[in-house]
Amino acid sequence: MIGFAKWEDRPALAELWQVCFEEERRYANFFFNNAFRPENCLVYRVAGRPAAMLHLLPAKIVCGGKPVRIHYVFACATAPEHRSHGYMNALLAYAALVGSQREEQFSAILPASPGLYDYYAKSDYVTFFERDEYRLSAEQLREKAVVRGGRRAFTPATLNRMRSALLRDREGSVLWENGAFWFAVEDNRIYGGKLVCAEGPSYAVCRREQPDVCEITEFMSAPEHLPALFAALLQEMPAQDYRIRLPKGSGLFAAAGVPSLSAPEPAFCGMLRPLDGASLEQIHVGDQKPYLGLGKD
C-alpha cells in the first residue's frame, strides 16, 4: 500500500493537497509543476488511489562542523475520509527507512501547528530548531538605513551561497540546495510575497501579513550590509512595522547597533529525527541554536 509516486499521480495528489490544506488549486499546481519528484514522494494507496502522501526534500545539516545529508518532510497530507487509520505514521516510518537506504543521517520536519509536536514525537522526532522574532518599526529601520546604489538582483545560487556561509558554523542548521532555495523564494511570491535584495549580497524573504505589517520569514545579512538592506526594505516593502525572523542568538542587530531594540520572541520551529546509525549527540549544539529557516518555519 506504500510506494513512490508516479508522474501520472500528479492530478490526484494536487487534489489531495487542495483538500487537506484548503488552498486554491494554483498553489498545488505550482508545487507539482516545479518541485515534485516521484522518487521523493511517498504515497499510501487505498483501492489504488492516493489516500495520504508526504514529500522528502533533499537538504544538508551542519553536523560536527561539516554538512551531512538529510531530508525534510514536507506537505504531509491525509484525505479526511482516511484519517485516524495510522496511514501517516506508516508513511513516516517508511520515510525513515528510505532515508537510511539513501545514507541520509537525519529527517527534519516542521509541524503545522503546536499540537502536532506531540504527534510527531510518537514517530521519534525531537523538538530541535529555534529562532528569534523581532518587531521593528519603520522608524527604527530608517535610523540605520543607508541607500547604496540602485535596486539589485542576485541569482538564487549567489544568495544561497551567502546563506550557507553565514550558517556553516552554526551546528544543526539546515543548508538547502539551490533548487530548493529558488522554489522557496518563488513559492513565497506565488502567495503574494517578495524577495528584497541589497548589496552584500543580503536578502529578506517578505510577505504582507497585514496592511501595515511586513513579515520577513528569512533575513540574511552580515552586520555591515544591514543598512543597505533596511533601505531596500523601506523602499520595496513599505510598512509601519516589520516582523523579522532571525536565527536564535544571531546577535545581528546588536552588532549593527540597531537602536531601541526590544528582546526577541523566542520560538521552537521544527523537529529532527536521527536515522539508522546516527544520533543527536553527533550535533554539537552550542550557544548558537540550530536554524531551519527559508520560510519553512
C-alpha atoms as a PDB file:
ATOM      1  CA  MET A   1       0.000   0.000   0.000  1.00  0.00           C
ATOM      2  CA  ILE A   2       3.012   2.326   0.383  1.00  0.00           C
ATOM      3  CA  GLY A   3       5.243   3.228  -2.524  1.00  0.00           C
ATOM      4  CA  PHE A   4       6.757   6.045  -4.503  1.00  0.00           C
ATOM      5  CA  ALA A   5       4.516   8.305  -6.531  1.00  0.00           C
ATOM      6  CA  LYS A   6       4.288   8.219 -10.313  1.00  0.00           C
ATOM      7  CA  TRP A   7       4.184  11.171 -12.683  1.00  0.00           C
ATOM      8  CA  GLU A   8       0.603  10.315 -13.573  1.00  0.00           C
ATOM      9  CA  ASP A   9      -0.370  10.687  -9.884  1.00  0.00           C
ATOM     10  CA  ARG A  10       0.043  14.456 -10.021  1.00  0.00           C
ATOM     11  CA  PRO A  11      -3.634  15.368 -10.591  1.00  0.00           C
ATOM     12  CA  ALA A  12      -4.784  13.148  -7.714  1.00  0.00           C
ATOM     13  CA  LEU A  13      -2.007  14.394  -5.422  1.00  0.00           C
ATOM     14  CA  ALA A  14      -2.781  18.015  -6.292  1.00  0.00           C
ATOM     15  CA  GLU A  15      -6.402  17.377  -5.389  1.00  0.00           C
ATOM     16  CA  LEU A  16      -5.291  15.823  -2.078  1.00  0.00           C
ATOM     17  CA  TRP A  17      -3.152  18.915  -1.404  1.00  0.00           C
ATOM     18  CA  GLN A  18      -6.048  21.247  -2.174  1.00  0.00           C
ATOM     19  CA  VAL A  19      -8.494  19.396   0.090  1.00  0.00           C
ATOM     20  CA  CYS A  20      -6.120  18.973   3.029  1.00  0.00           C
ATOM     21  CA  PHE A  21      -4.576  22.451   3.025  1.00  0.00           C
ATOM     22  CA  GLU A  22      -7.755  24.242   1.917  1.00  0.00           C
ATOM     23  CA  GLU A  23      -5.959  26.228  -0.771  1.00  0.00           C
ATOM     24  CA  GLU A  24      -6.671  27.265  -4.318  1.00  0.00           C
ATOM     25  CA  ARG A  25      -5.580  24.755  -6.946  1.00  0.00           C
ATOM     26  CA  ARG A  26      -2.946  27.125  -8.374  1.00  0.00           C
ATOM     27  CA  TYR A  27      -0.770  26.733  -5.252  1.00  0.00           C
ATOM     28  CA  ALA A  28      -0.758  22.952  -5.560  1.00  0.00           C
ATOM     29  CA  ASN A  29      -0.139  23.246  -9.288  1.00  0.00           C
ATOM     30  CA  PHE A  30       2.899  25.429  -8.673  1.00  0.00           C
ATOM     31  CA  PHE A  31       4.468  22.784  -6.444  1.00  0.00           C
ATOM     32  CA  PHE A  32       3.658  19.835  -8.696  1.00  0.00           C
ATOM     33  CA  ASN A  33       4.835  21.677 -11.804  1.00  0.00           C
ATOM     34  CA  ASN A  34       8.099  22.920 -10.292  1.00  0.00           C
ATOM     35  CA  ALA A  35       9.235  20.869  -7.286  1.00  0.00           C
ATOM     36  CA  PHE A  36       7.521  17.475  -7.475  1.00  0.00           C
ATOM     37  CA  ARG A  37       9.772  14.456  -7.971  1.00  0.00           C
ATOM     38  CA  PRO A  38       8.189  10.967  -7.912  1.00  0.00           C
ATOM     39  CA  GLU A  39      11.293   9.495  -6.271  1.00  0.00           C
ATOM     40  CA  ASN A  40      10.889  11.955  -3.381  1.00  0.00           C
ATOM     41  CA  CYS A  41       7.161  11.457  -2.808  1.00  0.00           C
ATOM     42  CA  LEU A  42       5.746   8.579  -0.761  1.00  0.00           C
ATOM     43  CA  VAL A  43       2.090   7.653  -1.212  1.00  0.00           C
ATOM     44  CA  TYR A  44      -0.250   5.462   0.805  1.00  0.00           C
ATOM     45  CA  ARG A  45      -2.815   3.997  -1.582  1.00  0.00           C
ATOM     46  CA  VAL A  46      -6.258   2.642  -0.786  1.00  0.00           C
ATOM     47  CA  ALA A  47      -8.078   0.843  -3.591  1.00  0.00           C
ATOM     48  CA  GLY A  48      -5.376   2.109  -5.937  1.00  0.00           C
ATOM     49  CA  ARG A  49      -5.881   5.792  -5.175  1.00  0.00           C
ATOM     50  CA  PRO A  50      -3.648   8.094  -3.054  1.00  0.00           C
ATOM     51  CA  ALA A  51      -5.074   8.349   0.457  1.00  0.00           C
ATOM     52  CA  ALA A  52      -2.044  10.044   2.040  1.00  0.00           C
ATOM     53  CA  MET A  53       1.266  11.499   0.930  1.00  0.00           C
ATOM     54  CA  LEU A  54       4.453  13.169   2.088  1.00  0.00           C
ATOM     55  CA  HIS A  55       7.458  14.593   0.239  1.00  0.00           C
ATOM     56  CA  LEU A  56      11.156  14.224   1.072  1.00  0.00           C
ATOM     57  CA  LEU A  57      13.081  17.370   0.135  1.00  0.00           C
ATOM     58  CA  PRO A  58      16.865  16.804  -0.058  1.00  0.00           C
ATOM     59  CA  ALA A  59      18.966  19.034   2.192  1.00  0.00           C
ATOM     60  CA  LYS A  60      22.031  19.018   4.424  1.00  0.00           C
ATOM     61  CA  ILE A  61      22.644  19.794   8.068  1.00  0.00           C
ATOM     62  CA  VAL A  62      25.773  21.068   9.782  1.00  0.00           C
ATOM     63  CA  CYS A  63      26.983  18.143  11.885  1.00  0.00           C
ATOM     64  CA  GLY A  64      30.394  18.038  13.545  1.00  0.00           C
ATOM     65  CA  GLY A  65      31.461  21.062  11.547  1.00  0.00           C
ATOM     66  CA  LYS A  66      30.581  19.628   8.134  1.00  0.00           C
ATOM     67  CA  PRO A  67      27.397  19.243   6.066  1.00  0.00           C
ATOM     68  CA  VAL A  68      25.759  15.805   6.051  1.00  0.00           C
ATOM     69  CA  ARG A  69      22.788  14.620   4.018  1.00  0.00           C
ATOM     70  CA  ILE A  70      19.251  14.726   5.406  1.00  0.00           C
ATOM     71  CA  HIS A  71      15.711  15.051   4.089  1.00  0.00           C
ATOM     72  CA  TYR A  72      12.994  17.486   5.074  1.00  0.00           C
ATOM     73  CA  VAL A  73       9.499  16.019   5.313  1.00  0.00           C
ATOM     74  CA  PHE A  74       7.114  18.361   3.526  1.00  0.00           C
ATOM     75  CA  ALA A  75       3.372  18.584   2.799  1.00  0.00           C
ATOM     76  CA  CYS A  76       2.135  15.669   4.898  1.00  0.00           C
ATOM     77  CA  ALA A  77      -1.485  15.151   3.908  1.00  0.00           C
ATOM     78  CA  THR A  78      -4.158  12.523   4.540  1.00  0.00           C
ATOM     79  CA  ALA A  79      -7.581  12.655   2.892  1.00  0.00           C
ATOM     80  CA  PRO A  80     -10.288  13.413   5.509  1.00  0.00           C
ATOM     81  CA  GLU A  81     -12.074  10.104   4.970  1.00  0.00           C
ATOM     82  CA  HIS A  82      -8.846   8.177   5.614  1.00  0.00           C
ATOM     83  CA  ARG A  83      -7.671   9.866   8.797  1.00  0.00           C
ATOM     84  CA  SER A  84      -7.139   8.104  12.139  1.00  0.00           C
ATOM     85  CA  HIS A  85      -6.127   4.852  10.444  1.00  0.00           C
ATOM     86  CA  GLY A  86      -2.373   5.200  11.009  1.00  0.00           C
ATOM     87  CA  TYR A  87      -1.542   5.904   7.354  1.00  0.00           C
ATOM     88  CA  MET A  88       0.675   8.898   8.122  1.00  0.00           C
ATOM     89  CA  ASN A  89       2.534   7.033  10.869  1.00  0.00           C
ATOM     90  CA  ALA A  90       3.237   4.296   8.357  1.00  0.00           C
ATOM     91  CA  LEU A  91       4.466   6.821   5.788  1.00  0.00           C
ATOM     92  CA  LEU A  92       6.803   8.442   8.329  1.00  0.00           C
ATOM     93  CA  ALA A  93       8.255   5.057   9.245  1.00  0.00           C
ATOM     94  CA  TYR A  94       8.772   4.247   5.570  1.00  0.00           C
ATOM     95  CA  ALA A  95      10.350   7.672   5.002  1.00  0.00           C
ATOM     96  CA  ALA A  96      12.913   6.903   7.726  1.00  0.00           C
ATOM     97  CA  LEU A  97      13.715   3.600   6.012  1.00  0.00           C
ATOM     98  CA  VAL A  98      14.131   5.320   2.647  1.00  0.00           C
ATOM     99  CA  GLY A  99      16.366   7.972   4.214  1.00  0.00           C
ATOM    100  CA  SER A 100      18.591   5.325   5.775  1.00  0.00           C
ATOM    101  CA  GLN A 101      18.872   3.490   2.456  1.00  0.00           C
ATOM    102  CA  ARG A 102      19.923   6.767   0.817  1.00  0.00           C
ATOM    103  CA  GLU A 103      22.581   7.287   3.513  1.00  0.00           C
ATOM    104  CA  GLU A 104      20.795  10.318   4.921  1.00  0.00           C
ATOM    105  CA  GLN A 105      21.559  10.796   8.605  1.00  0.00           C
ATOM    106  CA  PHE A 106      18.549  12.803   9.790  1.00  0.00           C
ATOM    107  CA  SER A 107      14.948  13.601   8.978  1.00  0.00           C
ATOM    108  CA  ALA A 108      13.632  17.115   9.671  1.00  0.00           C
ATOM    109  CA  ILE A 109      10.026  18.235   9.893  1.00  0.00           C
ATOM    110  CA  LEU A 110       8.049  21.336  10.835  1.00  0.00           C
ATOM    111  CA  PRO A 111       4.699  20.566  12.480  1.00  0.00           C
ATOM    112  CA  ALA A 112       1.910  22.684  11.027  1.00  0.00           C
ATOM    113  CA  SER A 113       0.570  23.540  14.496  1.00  0.00           C
ATOM    114  CA  PRO A 114       1.833  23.344  18.109  1.00  0.00           C
ATOM    115  CA  GLY A 115      -0.448  20.382  18.829  1.00  0.00           C
ATOM    116  CA  LEU A 116       1.303  18.284  16.189  1.00  0.00           C
ATOM    117  CA  TYR A 117       4.634  18.306  18.024  1.00  0.00           C
ATOM    118  CA  ASP A 118       3.294  15.542  20.291  1.00  0.00           C
ATOM    119  CA  TYR A 119       2.021  13.647  17.257  1.00  0.00           C
ATOM    120  CA  TYR A 120       5.416  13.612  15.514  1.00  0.00           C
ATOM    121  CA  ALA A 121       7.203  12.810  18.784  1.00  0.00           C
ATOM    122  CA  LYS A 122       5.498   9.408  18.584  1.00  0.00           C
ATOM    123  CA  SER A 123       7.478   8.842  15.382  1.00  0.00           C
ATOM    124  CA  ASP A 124      10.763   9.625  17.196  1.00  0.00           C
ATOM    125  CA  TYR A 125      11.057  13.284  16.184  1.00  0.00           C
ATOM    126  CA  VAL A 126      12.577  15.612  18.796  1.00  0.00           C
ATOM    127  CA  THR A 127      11.968  19.363  19.063  1.00  0.00           C
ATOM    128  CA  PHE A 128      15.223  20.810  17.806  1.00  0.00           C
ATOM    129  CA  PHE A 129      15.216  24.032  15.755  1.00  0.00           C
ATOM    130  CA  GLU A 130      14.804  27.506  17.252  1.00  0.00           C
ATOM    131  CA  ARG A 131      14.581  31.092  16.040  1.00  0.00           C
ATOM    132  CA  ASP A 132      14.098  34.618  17.324  1.00  0.00           C
ATOM    133  CA  GLU A 133      11.491  37.079  16.107  1.00  0.00           C
ATOM    134  CA  TYR A 134      11.919  40.835  16.390  1.00  0.00           C
ATOM    135  CA  ARG A 135       9.338  43.532  15.760  1.00  0.00           C
ATOM    136  CA  LEU A 136      10.877  46.739  14.441  1.00  0.00           C
ATOM    137  CA  SER A 137       9.156  49.941  13.407  1.00  0.00           C
ATOM    138  CA  ALA A 138       9.825  51.722  10.149  1.00  0.00           C
ATOM    139  CA  GLU A 139      11.445  54.486  12.183  1.00  0.00           C
ATOM    140  CA  GLN A 140      13.930  52.024  13.702  1.00  0.00           C
ATOM    141  CA  LEU A 141      14.884  50.836  10.222  1.00  0.00           C
ATOM    142  CA  ARG A 142      15.111  54.405   8.953  1.00  0.00           C
ATOM    143  CA  GLU A 143      17.603  55.384  11.695  1.00  0.00           C
ATOM    144  CA  LYS A 144      20.133  52.890  10.305  1.00  0.00           C
ATOM    145  CA  ALA A 145      19.150  52.741   6.627  1.00  0.00           C
ATOM    146  CA  VAL A 146      21.695  53.833   4.039  1.00  0.00           C
ATOM    147  CA  VAL A 147      20.954  53.794   0.305  1.00  0.00           C
ATOM    148  CA  ARG A 148      23.843  52.224  -1.606  1.00  0.00           C
ATOM    149  CA  GLY A 149      23.396  52.083  -5.357  1.00  0.00           C
ATOM    150  CA  GLY A 150      20.221  51.102  -7.152  1.00  0.00           C
ATOM    151  CA  ARG A 151      17.992  48.072  -6.826  1.00  0.00           C
ATOM    152  CA  ARG A 152      19.996  44.857  -7.055  1.00  0.00           C
ATOM    153  CA  ALA A 153      19.009  41.383  -8.196  1.00  0.00           C
ATOM    154  CA  PHE A 154      21.087  38.330  -7.382  1.00  0.00           C
ATOM    155  CA  THR A 155      20.761  34.774  -8.619  1.00  0.00           C
ATOM    156  CA  PRO A 156      19.375  32.140  -6.237  1.00  0.00           C
ATOM    157  CA  ALA A 157      22.754  30.387  -6.324  1.00  0.00           C
ATOM    158  CA  THR A 158      24.552  33.562  -5.188  1.00  0.00           C
ATOM    159  CA  LEU A 159      22.105  34.196  -2.353  1.00  0.00           C
ATOM    160  CA  ASN A 160      22.152  30.560  -1.273  1.00  0.00           C
ATOM    161  CA  ARG A 161      25.962  30.556  -1.123  1.00  0.00           C
ATOM    162  CA  MET A 162      25.829  33.612   1.112  1.00  0.00           C
ATOM    163  CA  ARG A 163      23.214  31.923   3.313  1.00  0.00           C
ATOM    164  CA  SER A 164      25.333  28.785   3.648  1.00  0.00           C
ATOM    165  CA  ALA A 165      28.405  30.862   4.515  1.00  0.00           C
ATOM    166  CA  LEU A 166      26.522  32.594   7.344  1.00  0.00           C
ATOM    167  CA  LEU A 167      25.223  29.287   8.749  1.00  0.00           C
ATOM    168  CA  ARG A 168      28.106  26.867   8.156  1.00  0.00           C
ATOM    169  CA  ASP A 169      29.446  27.284  11.709  1.00  0.00           C
ATOM    170  CA  ARG A 170      26.014  27.033  13.345  1.00  0.00           C
ATOM    171  CA  GLU A 171      25.747  23.346  14.297  1.00  0.00           C
ATOM    172  CA  GLY A 172      22.463  21.682  13.428  1.00  0.00           C
ATOM    173  CA  SER A 173      21.396  24.314  10.915  1.00  0.00           C
ATOM    174  CA  VAL A 174      19.863  23.256   7.609  1.00  0.00           C
ATOM    175  CA  LEU A 175      21.551  24.097   4.311  1.00  0.00           C
ATOM    176  CA  TRP A 176      19.392  23.917   1.195  1.00  0.00           C
ATOM    177  CA  GLU A 177      20.173  23.089  -2.410  1.00  0.00           C
ATOM    178  CA  ASN A 178      19.983  25.917  -4.953  1.00  0.00           C
ATOM    179  CA  GLY A 179      16.798  24.453  -6.419  1.00  0.00           C
ATOM    180  CA  ALA A 180      15.127  24.375  -3.018  1.00  0.00           C
ATOM    181  CA  PHE A 181      16.179  27.973  -2.413  1.00  0.00           C
ATOM    182  CA  TRP A 182      14.673  29.034  -5.745  1.00  0.00           C
ATOM    183  CA  PHE A 183      11.449  27.194  -5.004  1.00  0.00           C
ATOM    184  CA  ALA A 184      11.097  28.772  -1.546  1.00  0.00           C
ATOM    185  CA  VAL A 185      11.502  32.262  -2.991  1.00  0.00           C
ATOM    186  CA  GLU A 186       9.114  31.628  -5.880  1.00  0.00           C
ATOM    187  CA  ASP A 187       6.600  29.886  -3.633  1.00  0.00           C
ATOM    188  CA  ASN A 188       6.588  32.946  -1.399  1.00  0.00           C
ATOM    189  CA  ARG A 189       5.977  35.102  -4.484  1.00  0.00           C
ATOM    190  CA  ILE A 190       3.027  32.929  -5.568  1.00  0.00           C
ATOM    191  CA  TYR A 191       1.476  33.596  -2.152  1.00  0.00           C
ATOM    192  CA  GLY A 192       1.913  37.351  -2.672  1.00  0.00           C
ATOM    193  CA  GLY A 193       5.357  37.772  -1.111  1.00  0.00           C
ATOM    194  CA  LYS A 194       8.570  39.327  -2.393  1.00  0.00           C
ATOM    195  CA  LEU A 195      12.331  38.850  -2.263  1.00  0.00           C
ATOM    196  CA  VAL A 196      14.184  42.053  -1.355  1.00  0.00           C
ATOM    197  CA  CYS A 197      17.939  42.126  -2.041  1.00  0.00           C
ATOM    198  CA  ALA A 198      20.695  44.619  -1.287  1.00  0.00           C
ATOM    199  CA  GLU A 199      24.440  44.993  -1.641  1.00  0.00           C
ATOM    200  CA  GLY A 200      26.492  42.386   0.124  1.00  0.00           C
ATOM    201  CA  PRO A 201      24.639  40.430  -1.002  1.00  0.00           C
ATOM    202  CA  SER A 202      21.927  40.355   1.630  1.00  0.00           C
ATOM    203  CA  TYR A 203      18.257  39.483   1.349  1.00  0.00           C
ATOM    204  CA  ALA A 204      14.858  39.337   3.047  1.00  0.00           C
ATOM    205  CA  VAL A 205      12.017  36.982   2.117  1.00  0.00           C
ATOM    206  CA  CYS A 206       8.930  39.124   2.782  1.00  0.00           C
ATOM    207  CA  ARG A 207       5.177  38.919   2.754  1.00  0.00           C
ATOM    208  CA  ARG A 208       2.386  41.277   3.749  1.00  0.00           C
ATOM    209  CA  GLU A 209       0.896  39.934   6.968  1.00  0.00           C
ATOM    210  CA  GLN A 210      -1.450  42.903   7.487  1.00  0.00           C
ATOM    211  CA  PRO A 211      -1.800  46.174   5.531  1.00  0.00           C
ATOM    212  CA  ASP A 212       0.782  47.894   7.731  1.00  0.00           C
ATOM    213  CA  VAL A 213       2.859  44.881   8.824  1.00  0.00           C
ATOM    214  CA  CYS A 214       5.579  43.228   6.752  1.00  0.00           C
ATOM    215  CA  GLU A 215       6.508  39.717   7.877  1.00  0.00           C
ATOM    216  CA  ILE A 216      10.061  38.681   6.985  1.00  0.00           C
ATOM    217  CA  THR A 217      10.293  34.910   7.128  1.00  0.00           C
ATOM    218  CA  GLU A 218      14.031  34.837   6.450  1.00  0.00           C
ATOM    219  CA  PHE A 219      16.527  37.654   6.879  1.00  0.00           C
ATOM    220  CA  MET A 220      20.155  37.042   5.917  1.00  0.00           C
ATOM    221  CA  SER A 221      22.834  39.700   6.126  1.00  0.00           C
ATOM    222  CA  ALA A 222      26.261  40.407   7.547  1.00  0.00           C
ATOM    223  CA  PRO A 223      26.207  43.360  10.020  1.00  0.00           C
ATOM    224  CA  GLU A 224      27.975  45.695   7.603  1.00  0.00           C
ATOM    225  CA  HIS A 225      25.315  45.162   4.928  1.00  0.00           C
ATOM    226  CA  LEU A 226      22.338  45.711   7.232  1.00  0.00           C
ATOM    227  CA  PRO A 227      21.912  49.472   6.457  1.00  0.00           C
ATOM    228  CA  ALA A 228      21.544  48.770   2.721  1.00  0.00           C
ATOM    229  CA  LEU A 229      19.037  46.001   3.340  1.00  0.00           C
ATOM    230  CA  PHE A 230      16.994  48.229   5.666  1.00  0.00           C
ATOM    231  CA  ALA A 231      16.910  50.902   2.958  1.00  0.00           C
ATOM    232  CA  ALA A 232      15.772  48.381   0.370  1.00  0.00           C
ATOM    233  CA  LEU A 233      13.011  47.127   2.647  1.00  0.00           C
ATOM    234  CA  LEU A 234      11.697  50.642   3.288  1.00  0.00           C
ATOM    235  CA  GLN A 235      11.616  51.297  -0.445  1.00  0.00           C
ATOM    236  CA  GLU A 236      10.268  47.983  -1.740  1.00  0.00           C
ATOM    237  CA  MET A 237       8.104  46.789   1.168  1.00  0.00           C
ATOM    238  CA  PRO A 238       6.941  49.947   2.970  1.00  0.00           C
ATOM    239  CA  ALA A 239       5.130  49.237   6.243  1.00  0.00           C
ATOM    240  CA  GLN A 240       4.681  50.665   9.722  1.00  0.00           C
ATOM    241  CA  ASP A 241       6.084  47.569  11.409  1.00  0.00           C
ATOM    242  CA  TYR A 242       8.387  44.730  10.380  1.00  0.00           C
ATOM    243  CA  ARG A 243       8.320  41.262  11.971  1.00  0.00           C
ATOM    244  CA  ILE A 244      11.743  39.778  11.330  1.00  0.00           C
ATOM    245  CA  ARG A 245      12.777  36.172  11.949  1.00  0.00           C
ATOM    246  CA  LEU A 246      16.433  35.508  12.711  1.00  0.00           C
ATOM    247  CA  PRO A 247      18.492  32.505  13.789  1.00  0.00           C
ATOM    248  CA  LYS A 248      18.306  32.343  17.569  1.00  0.00           C
ATOM    249  CA  GLY A 249      21.001  34.387  19.274  1.00  0.00           C
ATOM    250  CA  SER A 250      22.465  35.616  15.993  1.00  0.00           C
ATOM    251  CA  GLY A 251      23.432  38.972  17.515  1.00  0.00           C
ATOM    252  CA  LEU A 252      22.978  40.588  14.103  1.00  0.00           C
ATOM    253  CA  PHE A 253      21.040  43.634  15.233  1.00  0.00           C
ATOM    254  CA  ALA A 254      23.200  44.194  18.304  1.00  0.00           C
ATOM    255  CA  ALA A 255      26.352  44.048  16.151  1.00  0.00           C
ATOM    256  CA  ALA A 256      24.863  46.634  13.822  1.00  0.00           C
ATOM    257  CA  GLY A 257      23.859  48.917  16.709  1.00  0.00           C
ATOM    258  CA  VAL A 258      20.137  48.957  15.928  1.00  0.00           C
ATOM    259  CA  PRO A 259      18.626  51.378  18.491  1.00  0.00           C
ATOM    260  CA  SER A 260      15.703  50.797  20.859  1.00  0.00           C
ATOM    261  CA  LEU A 261      15.650  47.063  20.238  1.00  0.00           C
ATOM    262  CA  SER A 262      13.293  45.036  22.424  1.00  0.00           C
ATOM    263  CA  ALA A 263      14.070  41.463  23.443  1.00  0.00           C
ATOM    264  CA  PRO A 264      13.187  38.938  20.735  1.00  0.00           C
ATOM    265  CA  GLU A 265      10.323  36.488  20.970  1.00  0.00           C
ATOM    266  CA  PRO A 266      11.897  33.006  21.025  1.00  0.00           C
ATOM    267  CA  ALA A 267      10.170  30.161  19.219  1.00  0.00           C
ATOM    268  CA  PHE A 268      10.695  26.474  18.591  1.00  0.00           C
ATOM    269  CA  CYS A 269      10.269  25.868  14.918  1.00  0.00           C
ATOM    270  CA  GLY A 270      10.882  22.301  13.847  1.00  0.00           C
ATOM    271  CA  MET A 271      11.894  18.785  14.830  1.00  0.00           C
ATOM    272  CA  LEU A 272      14.673  16.351  13.962  1.00  0.00           C
ATOM    273  CA  ARG A 273      14.841  12.564  13.912  1.00  0.00           C
ATOM    274  CA  PRO A 274      18.110  10.603  13.724  1.00  0.00           C
ATOM    275  CA  LEU A 275      18.035   7.864  11.126  1.00  0.00           C
ATOM    276  CA  ASP A 276      19.683   4.461  11.319  1.00  0.00           C
ATOM    277  CA  GLY A 277      23.228   4.775  12.676  1.00  0.00           C
ATOM    278  CA  ALA A 278      23.006   8.471  13.593  1.00  0.00           C
ATOM    279  CA  SER A 279      22.334  10.232  16.892  1.00  0.00           C
ATOM    280  CA  LEU A 280      21.641  13.774  18.033  1.00  0.00           C
ATOM    281  CA  GLU A 281      24.852  13.641  20.083  1.00  0.00           C
ATOM    282  CA  GLN A 282      26.765  13.957  16.809  1.00  0.00           C
ATOM    283  CA  ILE A 283      25.498  17.534  16.522  1.00  0.00           C
ATOM    284  CA  HIS A 284      27.496  19.702  18.908  1.00  0.00           C
ATOM    285  CA  VAL A 285      24.990  22.455  19.587  1.00  0.00           C
ATOM    286  CA  GLY A 286      26.470  25.411  21.447  1.00  0.00           C
ATOM    287  CA  ASP A 287      25.136  28.866  22.230  1.00  0.00           C
ATOM    288  CA  GLN A 288      24.055  29.345  18.625  1.00  0.00           C
ATOM    289  CA  LYS A 289      20.947  27.207  18.284  1.00  0.00           C
ATOM    290  CA  PRO A 290      20.105  25.222  15.131  1.00  0.00           C
ATOM    291  CA  TYR A 291      18.185  27.074  12.441  1.00  0.00           C
ATOM    292  CA  LEU A 292      15.786  25.634   9.849  1.00  0.00           C
ATOM    293  CA  GLY A 293      14.607  28.760   8.049  1.00  0.00           C
ATOM    294  CA  LEU A 294      13.964  29.521   4.382  1.00  0.00           C
ATOM    295  CA  GLY A 295      10.293  30.074   5.150  1.00  0.00           C
ATOM    296  CA  LYS A 296       9.854  26.525   6.426  1.00  0.00           C
ATOM    297  CA  ASP A 297       9.422  27.774   9.978  1.00  0.00           C
END
